[in-house]
Protein backbone atom coordinates (compact mmCIF):
# COMPACT_ATOMS: atom_id res chain seq x y z
CA MET A 1 -92.71 -37.69 46.95
CA GLN A 2 -94.91 -36.15 44.28
CA GLU A 3 -97.14 -33.22 45.24
CA LEU A 4 -100.76 -34.40 44.96
CA ASN A 5 -104.11 -32.73 44.36
CA PHE A 6 -105.33 -33.39 47.92
CA PRO A 7 -105.27 -31.19 51.00
CA LYS A 8 -102.06 -31.49 53.01
CA PHE A 9 -102.11 -33.58 56.18
CA GLU A 10 -99.68 -34.37 58.97
CA TYR A 11 -97.93 -37.61 58.15
CA ARG A 12 -95.35 -39.63 60.00
CA PHE A 13 -92.40 -41.25 58.27
CA LYS A 14 -90.02 -43.90 59.52
CA SER A 15 -86.88 -45.19 57.85
CA THR A 16 -85.60 -48.73 58.37
CA GLU A 17 -83.19 -50.78 56.27
CA ASN A 18 -83.04 -48.01 53.65
CA LYS A 19 -86.83 -48.12 53.20
CA VAL A 20 -89.14 -45.25 54.08
CA SER A 21 -92.52 -46.08 55.60
CA ILE A 22 -95.56 -43.92 56.28
CA PHE A 23 -97.94 -44.40 59.21
CA ASP A 24 -101.42 -45.60 58.25
CA VAL A 25 -104.01 -44.34 60.75
CA ILE A 26 -106.49 -47.03 59.68
CA ARG A 27 -104.21 -50.08 59.84
CA LYS A 28 -102.36 -48.46 62.79
CA LYS A 29 -98.93 -49.39 61.47
CA PHE A 30 -96.16 -48.15 59.20
CA ILE A 31 -96.47 -49.17 55.53
CA ILE A 32 -93.60 -49.06 53.03
CA LEU A 33 -93.98 -45.85 51.07
CA GLN A 34 -94.63 -46.58 47.40
CA PRO A 35 -96.22 -44.06 45.00
CA GLU A 36 -99.64 -45.78 45.24
CA GLU A 37 -99.43 -45.82 49.05
CA TRP A 38 -98.69 -42.08 49.00
CA VAL A 39 -101.94 -41.55 47.05
CA ARG A 40 -103.87 -43.96 49.33
CA GLN A 41 -102.74 -42.15 52.50
CA HIS A 42 -103.70 -38.77 51.07
CA CYS A 43 -107.10 -40.16 50.12
CA VAL A 44 -107.67 -41.69 53.58
CA HIS A 45 -106.90 -38.36 55.24
CA TYR A 46 -109.13 -36.54 52.74
CA LEU A 47 -112.03 -38.86 53.65
CA ILE A 48 -111.43 -38.35 57.38
CA ASN A 49 -110.52 -34.64 57.50
CA GLN A 50 -112.51 -33.14 54.60
CA LYS A 51 -115.45 -35.54 54.21
CA ASN A 52 -115.80 -36.32 57.94
CA PHE A 53 -115.95 -40.12 57.63
CA PRO A 54 -115.21 -41.83 60.95
CA LYS A 55 -112.02 -43.91 60.94
CA SER A 56 -114.06 -46.81 62.29
CA LEU A 57 -116.01 -47.03 59.00
CA ILE A 58 -112.90 -47.04 56.76
CA ASN A 59 -111.16 -50.24 55.68
CA VAL A 60 -107.88 -50.34 53.73
CA GLU A 61 -106.28 -53.03 51.53
CA LYS A 62 -108.45 -56.07 52.15
CA GLU A 63 -108.72 -59.16 50.01
CA LEU A 64 -111.80 -60.17 48.08
CA THR A 65 -112.45 -62.98 45.59
CA ILE A 66 -113.81 -62.19 42.13
CA ASN A 67 -114.47 -65.07 39.73
CA GLY A 68 -112.17 -67.27 41.80
CA LEU A 69 -109.30 -64.73 41.69
CA LYS A 70 -107.99 -63.04 44.82
CA LYS A 71 -107.92 -59.24 44.51
CA ARG A 72 -107.29 -56.40 46.97
CA TYR A 73 -109.31 -53.22 47.16
CA ASP A 74 -107.59 -49.99 48.18
CA ILE A 75 -110.19 -48.28 50.38
CA VAL A 76 -113.75 -49.15 51.36
CA VAL A 77 -116.00 -46.94 53.48
CA PHE A 78 -118.91 -48.68 55.18
CA ASN A 79 -122.33 -47.42 56.15
CA LYS A 80 -123.29 -47.91 59.80
CA ASP A 81 -125.42 -50.94 58.81
CA GLY A 82 -122.37 -52.70 57.32
CA SER A 83 -123.31 -52.10 53.69
CA ILE A 84 -120.69 -50.40 51.53
CA HIS A 85 -120.93 -46.67 50.99
CA LEU A 86 -117.79 -46.06 48.89
CA ILE A 87 -115.05 -47.99 47.09
CA VAL A 88 -111.86 -46.10 46.22
CA GLU A 89 -109.31 -47.31 43.68
CA CYS A 90 -105.93 -45.59 44.07
CA LYS A 91 -103.24 -45.53 41.43
CA SER A 92 -99.78 -44.01 41.42
CA HIS A 93 -99.62 -40.38 40.23
CA SER A 94 -97.76 -41.62 37.14
CA VAL A 95 -100.61 -43.94 36.09
CA THR A 96 -103.13 -42.50 33.65
CA ILE A 97 -106.69 -43.28 34.67
CA ASN A 98 -108.41 -44.96 31.76
CA GLN A 99 -111.21 -47.39 30.96
CA SER A 100 -109.34 -50.37 32.43
CA THR A 101 -109.13 -48.53 35.77
CA PHE A 102 -112.90 -48.05 35.73
CA ASP A 103 -113.38 -51.68 34.66
CA GLN A 104 -111.33 -52.79 37.67
CA ILE A 105 -113.44 -50.87 40.19
CA ALA A 106 -116.64 -51.95 38.39
CA ARG A 107 -115.61 -55.62 38.84
CA TYR A 108 -115.05 -54.99 42.54
CA ASN A 109 -118.43 -53.32 42.77
CA LEU A 110 -120.20 -56.36 41.31
CA ILE A 111 -119.26 -58.08 44.58
CA LEU A 112 -119.32 -55.13 46.99
CA ASN A 113 -122.36 -53.19 45.68
CA ALA A 114 -121.26 -49.73 46.85
CA ASP A 115 -123.33 -46.54 46.70
CA TYR A 116 -120.36 -44.52 45.36
CA LEU A 117 -117.10 -45.15 43.51
CA MET A 118 -113.97 -43.02 43.46
CA VAL A 119 -110.92 -43.47 41.24
CA THR A 120 -107.82 -41.35 41.84
CA ASN A 121 -104.17 -41.13 40.90
CA GLY A 122 -103.70 -38.29 43.37
CA ILE A 123 -103.79 -35.73 40.56
CA ASN A 124 -107.16 -36.51 38.96
CA HIS A 125 -110.17 -37.74 40.92
CA TYR A 126 -113.35 -39.24 39.47
CA TYR A 127 -116.53 -39.85 41.46
CA CYS A 128 -119.64 -41.85 40.54
CA GLN A 129 -122.94 -42.51 42.22
CA MET A 130 -124.25 -45.99 41.54
CA ASP A 131 -127.82 -46.94 40.67
CA SER A 132 -127.79 -50.71 41.18
CA GLU A 133 -131.36 -51.27 40.05
CA ALA A 134 -130.84 -49.49 36.72
CA GLU A 135 -127.26 -50.87 36.51
CA GLN A 136 -125.85 -47.44 35.71
CA TYR A 137 -123.85 -44.67 37.32
CA THR A 138 -123.73 -40.89 37.31
CA PHE A 139 -120.49 -38.92 37.45
CA LEU A 140 -120.33 -36.39 40.28
CA ARG A 141 -118.13 -33.39 41.05
CA ASP A 142 -117.35 -34.85 44.48
CA ILE A 143 -118.64 -37.43 46.92
CA PRO A 144 -121.07 -36.26 49.60
CA ASP A 145 -119.78 -35.53 53.09
CA TYR A 146 -120.48 -38.10 55.79
CA LYS A 147 -123.78 -37.52 57.50
CA THR A 148 -124.67 -38.95 60.88
CA LYS A 149 -128.15 -40.42 60.95
């Protein structure tokens, strides 16, 4: 798989029926390894190992309904009170992040109302802090580390 702009982590692969899978520590099962999944797994481990988010607050690939359409978010990190701290949109390393990528995560955030957004293709990462009251965002160099309160 493509080398990504994330710290390395220890991953587990499994091969069945000519398909390679990678173990997802959040879903606790092997997932077929596609380029976007490779990015998602790197991002999950980055959030756990570098940003210190507890696994118990991370949710991966869940369905939500936006304007009557069923969509799936890549990664959501919750606050302890159940509100949403961070939404992450992962793309394959070969996908250029553009305005439509940001529009996609912005649509998700209309429903989820996160404090932070992250968009990544594994090579380039973009981070925003949301200001819901002013309906605007500020780009950041990185997302803050998890803090226990």
